[in-house]
């Protein structure tokens, strides 16, 4: 969603970071460009004015202009102002009240209220172990109640039985009574929507809120509607008193103005964001992480959290044991590819990695998409169990059969087998403790202590003094949080972004950035682990 804005702001700020010294005129010129970029991203004018005024007040000062790294200081100030505009601290749905806790879902028609109701119910029941009851109060839209009942079965959450002829207020009271008798912790009330905001819609939602004494009133707004979503939030808040906002379709290609303006205009926090149509495509809204993504700094925290949620601990332990023994078959490779898909595929992974903005065009040129992973898994699924355990069985006739079964070509099968063979070699090296076990294998992967590799050349074995010096430097760099030390730490060489040196070699095993299109796993250019089958 923020891709266009991210490109513009990253370009503006990278121009500042490349300069050794900054004048007030440089800062003012950059802020004009930032203002234009925000307005083009459909951010509300009043929010843009407030944002640029804050940044100018902090940036045009002796502490920045005379700073050792003035460009980095401006980047930090812009980052801090973005976080403030988005809401400073992340806030989640509050269910700390006497059960059953009523949560009222309001919004316009087509914004995704019913689906979002089911997503939140699933989240509360699985993550917070709450017993949830859902009830549809939409008596006008055909099959609205049936839709919620079907979604309830999908997410394994109870729904209130449908009784024809009741009003929204009557259904809400019946839901609260049923929740008390059934021992439910939370009641999700899905109200009716309209094409536009009108008095009848507001009156009905307000009556329901009063009848059940709603603890949370969440507005579900479509992020694709831009400033109209902000106007809707303002109207609902004036009549009902919202406690939070859920933005849907945040995975779309809109310019992101609604998300950036919502908190500043309404004063209400964005609590959750919908990132897809599936019932588990719901994430917490973290202002600092979103600001980092917009400025091209990545979002490692969210990546780690997503990995922790999706990775099966038992499978991970079994995989670690197999690696220790030096075993790695095609079933293991398929499992690894599946884990990458769950995290968000190649695109999702790259979007959260710091400094990847500079490599975006090269990645697009390589035509990398998540279909590659799907095709590779299809190839493995077309093999027999014996073939997956022992790839040496795969001769020409078997490869033709596998290619036909997976809808691919024989060369695709060969590429996958080559990738697996190279990964298996590394696992064997780790298992047999060659050249120092895991440390030696990693040394070979990144050209440390081995021969020439991927054009990087051999590097001497690091001494204990060298390692201590490296740790000292890393400790001084600090994290992305409070230890910024007056500026953001430079990115590692080759990853692009602030602090990257020109002519850096690129990522390990990918060669120079210009050579990227042919050098990614499974795309015909080998794999960063080098070496041939022994």
Protein backbone atom coordinates (compact mmCIF):
# COMPACT_ATOMS: atom_id res chain seq x y z
CA UNK A 1 0.00 0.00 0.00
CA UNK A 2 2.73 2.51 0.94
CA UNK A 3 5.01 1.55 -1.96
CA UNK A 4 4.68 4.81 -3.91
CA UNK A 5 5.06 6.99 -0.82
CA UNK A 6 7.96 4.87 0.41
CA UNK A 7 9.81 5.26 -2.90
CA UNK A 8 9.34 9.03 -2.89
CA UNK A 9 10.37 9.59 0.74
CA UNK A 10 13.32 7.19 0.50
CA UNK A 11 14.57 9.05 -2.57
CA UNK A 12 14.22 12.47 -0.91
CA UNK A 13 15.90 11.43 2.33
CA UNK A 14 18.70 9.43 0.68
CA UNK A 15 19.62 12.67 -1.13
CA UNK A 16 20.11 14.31 2.27
CA UNK A 17 22.11 11.45 3.79
CA UNK A 18 24.64 11.55 0.94
CA UNK A 19 25.66 15.11 1.82
CA UNK A 20 28.37 15.83 4.34
CA UNK A 21 26.78 19.09 5.49
CA UNK A 22 23.27 20.54 5.34
CA UNK A 23 22.03 24.10 5.18
CA UNK A 24 18.58 25.36 6.14
CA UNK A 25 17.84 25.77 2.44
CA UNK A 26 18.58 22.05 1.86
CA UNK A 27 16.19 21.04 4.64
CA UNK A 28 13.45 23.38 3.39
CA UNK A 29 13.77 22.05 -0.16
CA UNK A 30 13.54 18.45 1.10
CA UNK A 31 10.47 19.30 3.19
CA UNK A 32 8.74 20.79 0.13
CA UNK A 33 9.24 17.48 -1.63
CA UNK A 34 8.01 15.55 1.44
CA UNK A 35 4.90 17.75 1.56
CA UNK A 36 4.21 17.09 -2.13
CA UNK A 37 4.73 13.34 -1.67
CA UNK A 38 2.28 13.19 1.27
CA UNK A 39 -0.38 15.18 -0.59
CA UNK A 40 -0.03 12.89 -3.62
CA UNK A 41 -0.47 9.93 -1.23
CA UNK A 42 -3.91 11.38 -0.35
CA UNK A 43 -2.98 12.41 3.19
CA UNK A 44 -5.32 15.08 4.62
CA UNK A 45 -4.03 18.64 4.09
CA UNK A 46 -4.32 19.56 7.77
CA UNK A 47 -2.25 16.49 8.70
CA UNK A 48 0.43 17.31 6.10
CA UNK A 49 0.75 20.89 7.40
CA UNK A 50 1.09 19.72 11.00
CA UNK A 51 3.63 17.07 10.01
CA UNK A 52 5.90 19.37 7.98
CA UNK A 53 5.74 22.09 10.65
CA UNK A 54 6.89 19.62 13.32
CA UNK A 55 9.73 18.32 11.17
CA UNK A 56 10.86 21.84 10.17
CA UNK A 57 10.84 23.01 13.80
CA UNK A 58 13.08 20.13 14.85
CA UNK A 59 15.25 19.88 11.73
CA UNK A 60 16.13 23.54 11.17
CA UNK A 61 18.29 23.92 14.22
CA UNK A 62 21.93 24.00 15.23
CA UNK A 63 21.82 20.42 16.56
CA UNK A 64 21.01 19.11 13.06
CA UNK A 65 22.85 21.45 10.73
CA UNK A 66 26.04 21.16 12.82
CA UNK A 67 25.62 17.44 13.49
CA UNK A 68 28.29 14.98 12.38
CA UNK A 69 25.63 13.13 10.35
CA UNK A 70 23.00 15.80 9.60
CA UNK A 71 21.25 13.72 6.93
CA UNK A 72 20.75 10.82 9.32
CA UNK A 73 19.43 13.20 11.96
CA UNK A 74 16.77 14.47 9.54
CA UNK A 75 15.79 10.86 8.72
CA UNK A 76 15.37 10.18 12.44
CA UNK A 77 13.26 13.33 12.90
CA UNK A 78 11.02 12.39 9.95
CA UNK A 79 10.68 8.87 11.36
CA UNK A 80 9.70 10.19 14.81
CA UNK A 81 7.14 12.60 13.30
CA UNK A 82 5.62 9.77 11.24
CA UNK A 83 5.26 7.64 14.37
CA UNK A 84 3.54 10.52 16.18
CA UNK A 85 1.17 11.04 13.25
CA UNK A 86 0.28 7.33 13.20
CA UNK A 87 -0.37 7.14 16.92
CA UNK A 88 2.91 6.70 18.86
CA UNK A 89 1.90 3.52 20.75
CA UNK A 90 0.17 0.42 19.40
CA UNK A 91 -3.25 -0.23 20.95
CA UNK A 92 -5.20 -3.48 20.82
CA UNK A 93 -8.80 -4.47 21.48
CA UNK A 94 -9.61 -4.10 25.17
CA UNK A 95 -11.62 -6.97 26.67
CA UNK A 96 -10.75 -6.21 30.29
CA UNK A 97 -14.27 -5.82 31.63
CA UNK A 98 -16.96 -7.88 33.32
CA UNK A 99 -17.95 -10.67 30.87
CA UNK A 100 -19.67 -10.91 28.54
CA UNK A 101 -17.85 -7.93 26.95
CA UNK A 102 -19.90 -6.43 24.06
CA UNK A 103 -17.88 -5.30 21.00
CA UNK A 104 -19.90 -3.33 18.46
CA UNK A 105 -18.78 -3.38 14.80
CA UNK A 106 -19.97 -0.39 12.74
CA UNK A 107 -19.23 0.93 9.25
CA UNK A 108 -20.46 1.37 5.70
CA UNK A 109 -21.65 -1.41 3.42
CA UNK A 110 -18.89 -3.27 1.61
CA UNK A 111 -16.11 -2.26 4.01
CA UNK A 112 -15.72 -5.83 5.26
CA UNK A 113 -17.52 -5.67 8.63
CA UNK A 114 -18.83 -9.24 8.66
CA UNK A 115 -15.54 -10.83 7.60
CA UNK A 116 -13.60 -8.63 10.03
CA UNK A 117 -15.98 -9.64 12.84
CA UNK A 118 -15.11 -13.29 12.19
CA UNK A 119 -11.37 -12.47 11.98
CA UNK A 120 -11.41 -10.69 15.35
CA UNK A 121 -13.47 -13.50 16.93
CA UNK A 122 -10.90 -16.03 15.70
CA UNK A 123 -8.05 -13.91 17.02
CA UNK A 124 -9.64 -13.52 20.47
CA UNK A 125 -10.50 -17.22 20.77
CA UNK A 126 -7.11 -18.51 19.63
CA UNK A 127 -4.68 -15.93 21.00
CA UNK A 128 -6.41 -14.79 24.16
CA UNK A 129 -8.36 -18.02 24.77
CA UNK A 130 -11.66 -16.18 25.07
CA UNK A 131 -15.03 -17.85 24.55
CA UNK A 132 -16.66 -15.72 21.84
CA UNK A 133 -20.25 -15.46 20.57
CA UNK A 134 -21.00 -13.69 17.27
CA UNK A 135 -24.38 -12.17 16.36
CA UNK A 136 -25.50 -10.49 13.14
CA UNK A 137 -27.77 -7.47 13.62
CA UNK A 138 -28.13 -6.87 9.87
CA UNK A 139 -31.83 -7.45 9.18
CA UNK A 140 -31.79 -5.79 5.75
CA UNK A 141 -29.00 -7.28 3.64
CA UNK A 142 -30.02 -10.65 2.17
CA UNK A 143 -28.18 -13.63 3.73
CA UNK A 144 -26.11 -11.38 6.04
CA UNK A 145 -26.93 -13.56 9.07
CA UNK A 146 -26.25 -16.74 7.10
CA UNK A 147 -22.87 -15.35 6.00
CA UNK A 148 -21.81 -14.80 9.60
CA UNK A 149 -23.02 -18.31 10.53
CA UNK A 150 -20.87 -19.83 7.75
CA UNK A 151 -17.85 -17.77 8.82
CA UNK A 152 -18.46 -18.89 12.41
CA UNK A 153 -18.13 -22.53 11.32
CA UNK A 154 -14.92 -21.72 9.43
CA UNK A 155 -13.27 -20.10 12.46
CA UNK A 156 -14.86 -22.47 15.01
CA UNK A 157 -16.72 -19.68 16.84
CA UNK A 158 -20.37 -19.92 17.98
CA UNK A 159 -23.01 -17.71 16.34
CA UNK A 160 -26.39 -16.66 17.72
CA UNK A 161 -29.28 -18.73 16.24
CA UNK A 162 -31.25 -16.78 13.64
CA UNK A 163 -34.81 -15.73 14.63
CA UNK A 164 -36.77 -14.01 11.86
CA UNK A 165 -38.69 -10.79 12.48
CA UNK A 166 -36.61 -9.32 15.30
CA UNK A 167 -35.14 -5.80 15.25
CA UNK A 168 -31.43 -5.06 15.67
CA UNK A 169 -31.89 -3.99 19.30
CA UNK A 170 -33.90 -7.12 20.12
CA UNK A 171 -31.23 -9.36 18.56
CA UNK A 172 -28.48 -7.55 20.49
CA UNK A 173 -30.32 -8.02 23.81
CA UNK A 174 -30.94 -11.69 23.00
CA UNK A 175 -27.23 -12.14 22.21
CA UNK A 176 -26.19 -10.65 25.56
CA UNK A 177 -28.69 -12.87 27.41
CA UNK A 178 -27.46 -15.98 25.57
CA UNK A 179 -23.84 -15.01 26.34
CA UNK A 180 -24.59 -14.68 30.07
CA UNK A 181 -26.33 -18.06 30.17
CA UNK A 182 -23.63 -19.73 28.04
CA UNK A 183 -20.66 -18.36 29.96
CA UNK A 184 -19.18 -16.42 27.04
CA UNK A 185 -16.39 -13.89 27.56
CA UNK A 186 -16.97 -11.70 24.49
CA UNK A 187 -19.97 -10.90 22.26
CA UNK A 188 -19.24 -9.61 18.75
CA UNK A 189 -22.18 -7.60 17.36
CA UNK A 190 -22.11 -7.08 13.58
CA UNK A 191 -24.39 -4.14 12.72
CA UNK A 192 -26.01 -3.27 9.39
CA UNK A 193 -24.22 -1.03 6.90
CA UNK A 194 -25.32 1.56 4.34
CA UNK A 195 -23.97 2.77 1.03
CA UNK A 196 -23.45 6.22 2.58
CA UNK A 197 -23.68 7.69 6.08
CA UNK A 198 -27.31 8.53 6.91
CA UNK A 199 -29.36 9.36 9.99
CA UNK A 200 -31.22 6.04 10.06
CA UNK A 201 -27.94 4.08 10.11
CA UNK A 202 -26.52 6.21 12.90
CA UNK A 203 -29.68 6.03 15.00
CA UNK A 204 -29.88 2.23 14.79
CA UNK A 205 -26.20 1.74 15.67
CA UNK A 206 -26.47 4.25 18.53
CA UNK A 207 -29.57 2.49 19.93
CA UNK A 208 -27.77 -0.88 19.89
CA UNK A 209 -24.72 0.66 21.60
CA UNK A 210 -26.89 2.06 24.40
CA UNK A 211 -28.91 -1.16 24.79
CA UNK A 212 -25.84 -3.37 25.33
CA UNK A 213 -23.54 -0.69 26.83
CA UNK A 214 -20.82 -1.49 24.27
CA UNK A 215 -17.33 -1.69 25.78
CA UNK A 216 -15.64 -1.30 22.38
CA UNK A 217 -17.10 0.45 19.31
CA UNK A 218 -14.92 -0.41 16.33
CA UNK A 219 -15.31 1.29 12.97
CA UNK A 220 -14.43 -0.95 10.02
CA UNK A 221 -13.23 1.33 7.20
CA UNK A 222 -12.01 0.49 3.70
CA UNK A 223 -8.48 1.87 3.22
CA UNK A 224 -9.03 2.03 -0.56
CA UNK A 225 -11.61 4.82 -0.16
CA UNK A 226 -8.91 7.29 0.92
CA UNK A 227 -10.12 10.52 2.51
CA UNK A 228 -13.74 9.33 2.41
CA UNK A 229 -12.81 6.73 5.05
CA UNK A 230 -11.55 9.58 7.27
CA UNK A 231 -14.83 11.50 6.80
CA UNK A 232 -16.80 8.35 7.69
CA UNK A 233 -14.75 7.90 10.87
CA UNK A 234 -15.34 11.51 11.84
CA UNK A 235 -19.13 11.14 11.33
CA UNK A 236 -19.40 7.91 13.36
CA UNK A 237 -17.20 9.24 16.15
CA UNK A 238 -19.31 12.39 16.46
CA UNK A 239 -22.48 10.33 16.91
CA UNK A 240 -21.37 7.21 18.77
CA UNK A 241 -17.95 7.77 20.27
CA UNK A 242 -15.60 5.28 18.62
CA UNK A 243 -12.95 3.48 20.66
CA UNK A 244 -10.90 2.30 17.71
CA UNK A 245 -10.64 1.74 13.96
CA UNK A 246 -10.01 -1.37 11.86
CA UNK A 247 -8.69 -0.63 8.36
CA UNK A 248 -9.38 -3.31 5.74
CA UNK A 249 -7.72 -3.91 2.34
CA UNK A 250 -4.35 -2.71 3.57
CA UNK A 251 -2.82 -5.18 1.10
CA UNK A 252 -4.29 -3.15 -1.79
CA UNK A 253 -2.59 -0.64 -4.05
CA UNK A 254 -4.14 2.54 -2.68
CA UNK A 255 -1.85 5.39 -1.72
CA UNK A 256 -2.18 4.99 2.05
CA UNK A 257 -3.61 8.44 2.84
CA UNK A 258 -6.44 7.03 4.97
CA UNK A 259 -4.09 5.14 7.27
CA UNK A 260 -1.79 8.13 7.69
CA UNK A 261 -4.63 10.62 8.30
CA UNK A 262 -7.04 8.55 10.41
CA UNK A 263 -5.42 8.91 13.82
CA UNK A 264 -4.47 12.56 13.40
CA UNK A 265 -7.96 13.62 12.22
CA UNK A 266 -10.16 11.54 14.54
CA UNK A 267 -7.86 11.08 17.53
CA UNK A 268 -8.91 7.41 17.59
CA UNK A 269 -6.29 4.65 17.32
CA UNK A 270 -6.06 2.23 14.41
CA UNK A 271 -6.14 -1.05 16.34
CA UNK A 272 -6.07 -3.68 13.60
CA UNK A 273 -5.50 -3.89 9.85
CA UNK A 274 -6.87 -6.42 7.38
CA UNK A 275 -4.15 -7.70 5.05
CA UNK A 276 -6.10 -10.19 2.93
CA UNK A 277 -9.33 -12.08 2.41
CA UNK A 278 -8.44 -15.15 4.49
CA UNK A 279 -9.78 -15.37 8.05
CA UNK A 280 -6.29 -15.19 9.55
CA UNK A 281 -5.23 -12.12 7.50
CA UNK A 282 -5.49 -9.67 10.39
CA UNK A 283 -2.58 -7.85 12.05
CA UNK A 284 -2.05 -5.41 14.88
CA UNK A 285 -1.23 -1.87 13.79
CA UNK A 286 2.18 -0.80 15.10
CA UNK A 287 2.90 2.87 14.23
CA UNK A 288 6.67 2.60 14.63
CA UNK A 289 6.88 -0.47 12.40
CA UNK A 290 4.69 1.09 9.71
CA UNK A 291 6.88 4.23 9.80
CA UNK A 292 9.98 2.06 9.36
CA UNK A 293 8.42 0.35 6.34
CA UNK A 294 7.45 3.67 4.77
CA UNK A 295 11.02 4.97 5.12
CA UNK A 296 12.48 1.75 3.68
CA UNK A 297 14.01 0.58 6.98
CA UNK A 298 12.19 -2.75 6.95
CA UNK A 299 10.24 -4.37 9.77
CA UNK A 300 12.34 -7.13 11.28
CA UNK A 301 10.23 -7.31 14.46
CA UNK A 302 7.04 -8.14 12.51
CA UNK A 303 8.98 -10.64 10.39
CA UNK A 304 10.24 -12.45 13.49
CA UNK A 305 6.74 -12.42 15.05
CA UNK A 306 5.20 -13.81 11.87
CA UNK A 307 7.85 -16.52 11.71
CA UNK A 308 7.23 -17.44 15.36
CA UNK A 309 3.48 -17.75 14.66
CA UNK A 310 3.80 -19.84 11.52
CA UNK A 311 6.75 -22.13 12.29
CA UNK A 312 5.85 -25.43 13.92
CA UNK A 313 8.24 -25.87 16.86
CA UNK A 314 8.18 -29.68 16.71
CA UNK A 315 8.96 -29.67 12.99
CA UNK A 316 11.73 -27.14 13.58
CA UNK A 317 13.29 -29.40 16.23
CA UNK A 318 13.10 -32.42 13.92
CA UNK A 319 14.69 -30.38 11.12
CA UNK A 320 17.50 -29.24 13.43
CA UNK A 321 18.18 -32.85 14.41
CA UNK A 322 18.34 -33.92 10.75
CA UNK A 323 20.71 -31.03 10.00
CA UNK A 324 22.90 -32.14 12.88
CA UNK A 325 23.09 -35.58 11.29
CA UNK A 326 23.83 -34.06 7.89
CA UNK A 327 20.55 -35.22 6.30
CA UNK A 328 18.41 -33.05 4.02
CA UNK A 329 15.99 -34.65 1.55
CA UNK A 330 13.42 -33.16 -0.82
CA UNK A 331 10.64 -33.45 1.78
CA UNK A 332 12.70 -31.14 4.01
CA UNK A 333 13.16 -28.70 1.14
CA UNK A 334 9.40 -28.68 0.47
CA UNK A 335 8.77 -27.96 4.15
CA UNK A 336 11.20 -25.02 4.07
CA UNK A 337 9.50 -23.60 0.96
CA UNK A 338 6.11 -23.99 2.67
CA UNK A 339 7.35 -22.03 5.68
CA UNK A 340 8.48 -19.21 3.38
CA UNK A 341 5.00 -19.14 1.79
CA UNK A 342 3.38 -18.85 5.24
CA UNK A 343 5.61 -15.93 6.20
CA UNK A 344 4.46 -14.08 3.09
CA UNK A 345 6.53 -15.45 0.23
CA UNK A 346 9.50 -13.77 -1.39
CA UNK A 347 7.67 -10.44 -1.74
CA UNK A 348 6.53 -10.37 1.89
CA UNK A 349 10.00 -11.33 3.09
CA UNK A 350 11.75 -8.69 1.00
CA UNK A 351 9.22 -6.01 2.05
CA UNK A 352 10.20 -6.46 5.70
CA UNK A 353 13.96 -6.63 5.15
CA UNK A 354 15.87 -3.38 5.75
CA UNK A 355 17.39 -1.73 2.70
CA UNK A 356 15.54 -3.82 0.12
CA UNK A 357 13.95 -0.71 -1.40
CA UNK A 358 17.14 -0.01 -3.35
CA UNK A 359 17.01 -3.50 -4.91
CA UNK A 360 13.30 -3.41 -5.77
CA UNK A 361 13.77 -2.75 -9.49
CA UNK A 362 16.36 -5.50 -9.80
CA UNK A 363 14.03 -7.92 -8.02
CA UNK A 364 11.22 -6.93 -10.38
CA UNK A 365 13.57 -7.47 -13.31
CA UNK A 366 14.28 -10.97 -12.02
CA UNK A 367 10.51 -11.63 -12.25
CA UNK A 368 10.49 -13.08 -8.75
CA UNK A 369 7.04 -13.99 -7.54
CA UNK A 370 5.55 -16.41 -5.09
CA UNK A 371 4.47 -18.65 -7.97
CA UNK A 372 8.08 -19.84 -8.17
CA UNK A 373 7.77 -21.39 -4.70
CA UNK A 374 4.43 -22.98 -5.65
CA UNK A 375 5.94 -24.51 -8.79
CA UNK A 376 8.90 -25.88 -6.84
CA UNK A 377 6.59 -27.49 -4.29
CA UNK A 378 4.45 -28.91 -7.13
CA UNK A 379 7.56 -30.56 -8.60
CA UNK A 380 8.41 -32.18 -5.26
CA UNK A 381 4.78 -33.29 -4.77
CA UNK A 382 4.89 -35.04 -8.18
CA UNK A 383 7.66 -37.35 -6.97
CA UNK A 384 7.19 -40.65 -5.19
CA UNK A 385 8.24 -41.04 -1.55
CA UNK A 386 11.30 -43.01 -2.61
CA UNK A 387 12.34 -40.30 -5.08
CA UNK A 388 11.96 -37.56 -2.48
CA UNK A 389 14.12 -39.48 -0.03
CA UNK A 390 16.73 -40.44 -2.63
CA UNK A 391 16.99 -37.92 -5.51
CA UNK A 392 19.72 -40.05 -7.15
CA UNK A 393 16.91 -42.27 -8.48
CA UNK A 394 15.78 -39.46 -10.77
CA UNK A 395 16.92 -40.31 -14.28
CA UNK A 396 15.69 -38.76 -17.55
CA UNK A 397 12.44 -40.76 -17.83
CA UNK A 398 11.43 -40.02 -14.24
CA UNK A 399 12.19 -36.32 -14.67
CA UNK A 400 9.91 -36.20 -17.73
CA UNK A 401 7.12 -37.82 -15.70
CA UNK A 402 7.59 -35.37 -12.80
CA UNK A 403 7.63 -32.36 -15.17
CA UNK A 404 4.41 -33.54 -16.84
CA UNK A 405 2.77 -34.17 -13.47
CA UNK A 406 3.67 -30.72 -12.09
CA UNK A 407 2.99 -28.74 -15.27
CA UNK A 408 6.63 -27.64 -15.55
CA UNK A 409 9.62 -28.38 -17.77
CA UNK A 410 12.45 -30.86 -17.26
CA UNK A 411 14.89 -27.96 -16.87
CA UNK A 412 12.79 -26.68 -13.93
CA UNK A 413 13.15 -30.09 -12.29
CA UNK A 414 16.92 -29.96 -12.88
CA UNK A 415 17.17 -26.48 -11.33
CA UNK A 416 15.32 -27.66 -8.23
CA UNK A 417 17.54 -30.75 -7.90
CA UNK A 418 20.65 -28.60 -8.27
CA UNK A 419 19.42 -26.25 -5.54
CA UNK A 420 18.66 -29.20 -3.26
CA UNK A 421 22.05 -30.81 -3.94
CA UNK A 422 23.90 -27.64 -3.00
CA UNK A 423 21.85 -27.21 0.19
CA UNK A 424 22.39 -30.88 1.05
CA UNK A 425 26.17 -30.40 0.66
CA UNK A 426 26.10 -27.66 3.28
CA UNK A 427 24.09 -29.88 5.63
CA UNK A 428 26.63 -32.69 5.18
CA UNK A 429 29.45 -30.29 5.91
CA UNK A 430 27.71 -29.26 9.12
CA UNK A 431 26.96 -32.84 10.09
CA UNK A 432 30.46 -34.18 9.44
CA UNK A 433 32.10 -31.24 11.24
CA UNK A 434 34.28 -30.39 8.28
CA UNK A 435 36.19 -27.11 8.59
CA UNK A 436 34.71 -26.43 11.99
CA UNK A 437 31.16 -27.76 11.61
CA UNK A 438 28.48 -25.08 11.36
CA UNK A 439 31.03 -22.27 11.66
CA UNK A 440 33.09 -23.74 8.82
CA UNK A 441 30.02 -24.27 6.64
CA UNK A 442 28.89 -20.70 7.21
CA UNK A 443 32.44 -19.54 6.51
CA UNK A 444 32.32 -21.22 3.11
CA UNK A 445 28.84 -19.81 2.42
CA UNK A 446 30.04 -16.24 2.94
CA UNK A 447 33.60 -16.62 1.62
CA UNK A 448 35.34 -16.61 5.00
CA UNK A 449 38.26 -18.99 5.34
CA UNK A 450 37.60 -20.69 2.01
CA UNK A 451 38.57 -20.30 -1.59
CA UNK A 452 37.08 -17.85 -4.06
CA UNK A 453 33.34 -17.90 -3.98
CA UNK A 454 30.68 -16.21 -6.08
CA UNK A 455 33.22 -13.63 -7.19
CA UNK A 456 33.81 -12.53 -3.59
CA UNK A 457 37.27 -14.07 -3.19
CA UNK A 458 38.70 -15.84 -0.15
CA UNK A 459 38.97 -14.09 3.15
CA UNK A 460 41.32 -14.92 6.05
CA UNK A 461 40.04 -16.90 9.01
CA UNK A 462 38.90 -14.35 11.65
CA UNK A 463 41.04 -14.24 14.77
CA UNK A 464 39.59 -13.87 18.30
CA UNK A 465 40.82 -10.23 18.27
CA UNK A 466 38.97 -9.56 15.00
CA UNK A 467 35.77 -11.09 16.39
CA UNK A 468 36.04 -9.00 19.58
CA UNK A 469 36.53 -5.84 17.51
CA UNK A 470 33.48 -6.71 15.37
CA UNK A 471 31.34 -7.26 18.48
CA UNK A 472 32.54 -3.92 19.90
CA UNK A 473 31.53 -2.08 16.72
CA UNK A 474 28.14 -3.78 16.63
CA UNK A 475 27.57 -2.82 20.27
CA UNK A 476 28.36 0.81 19.49
CA UNK A 477 25.97 0.86 16.53
CA UNK A 478 23.01 0.13 18.81
CA UNK A 479 19.54 -0.95 17.79
CA UNK A 480 16.80 0.85 15.93
CA UNK A 481 15.13 1.93 19.16
CA UNK A 482 16.44 4.13 21.90
CA UNK A 483 20.12 3.43 21.18
CA UNK A 484 20.18 5.40 17.94
CA UNK A 485 22.92 7.68 19.20
CA UNK A 486 21.93 10.72 17.19
CA UNK A 487 21.31 8.88 13.95
CA UNK A 488 20.25 5.63 12.41
CA UNK A 489 22.98 2.97 12.18
CA UNK A 490 24.31 2.45 8.63
CA UNK A 491 23.00 -0.56 6.74
CA UNK A 492 25.38 -3.47 6.17
CA UNK A 493 27.32 -3.09 2.92
CA UNK A 494 25.40 -4.38 -0.06
CA UNK A 495 21.95 -4.03 1.46
CA UNK A 496 21.38 -0.50 0.17
CA UNK A 497 19.70 2.14 2.25
CA UNK A 498 21.33 4.76 4.48
CA UNK A 499 25.02 4.16 5.03
CA UNK A 500 25.49 1.80 2.11
CA UNK A 501 28.76 2.30 0.28
CA UNK A 502 28.73 2.74 -3.49
CA UNK A 503 29.87 -0.30 -5.35
CA UNK A 504 29.09 -2.66 -2.46
CA UNK A 505 29.16 -6.33 -3.50
CA UNK A 506 25.47 -7.05 -2.87
CA UNK A 507 24.04 -9.94 -0.89
CA UNK A 508 26.26 -13.01 -0.35
CA UNK A 509 26.19 -15.32 -3.35
CA UNK A 510 24.11 -12.95 -5.49
CA UNK A 511 27.11 -11.25 -7.06
CA UNK A 512 26.87 -7.61 -8.00
CA UNK A 513 23.41 -6.03 -7.78
CA UNK A 514 23.33 -5.74 -11.56
CA UNK A 515 23.70 -9.51 -11.91
CA UNK A 516 20.76 -10.31 -9.64
CA UNK A 517 18.17 -11.57 -12.18
CA UNK A 518 20.02 -14.82 -12.83
CA UNK A 519 21.31 -15.63 -9.40
CA UNK A 520 18.40 -16.50 -7.12
CA UNK A 521 17.56 -20.01 -5.85
CA UNK A 522 15.57 -22.05 -8.30
CA UNK A 523 15.70 -19.37 -11.00
CA UNK A 524 18.59 -20.76 -12.96
CA UNK A 525 21.59 -18.98 -11.53
CA UNK A 526 22.77 -21.31 -8.81
CA UNK A 527 22.56 -20.90 -5.05
CA UNK A 528 24.62 -18.93 -2.57
CA UNK A 529 26.07 -22.10 -1.06
CA UNK A 530 28.48 -22.82 -3.93
CA UNK A 531 30.27 -26.07 -4.44
CA UNK A 532 29.42 -29.27 -6.29
CA UNK A 533 28.25 -32.64 -5.08
CA UNK A 534 31.16 -34.58 -3.67
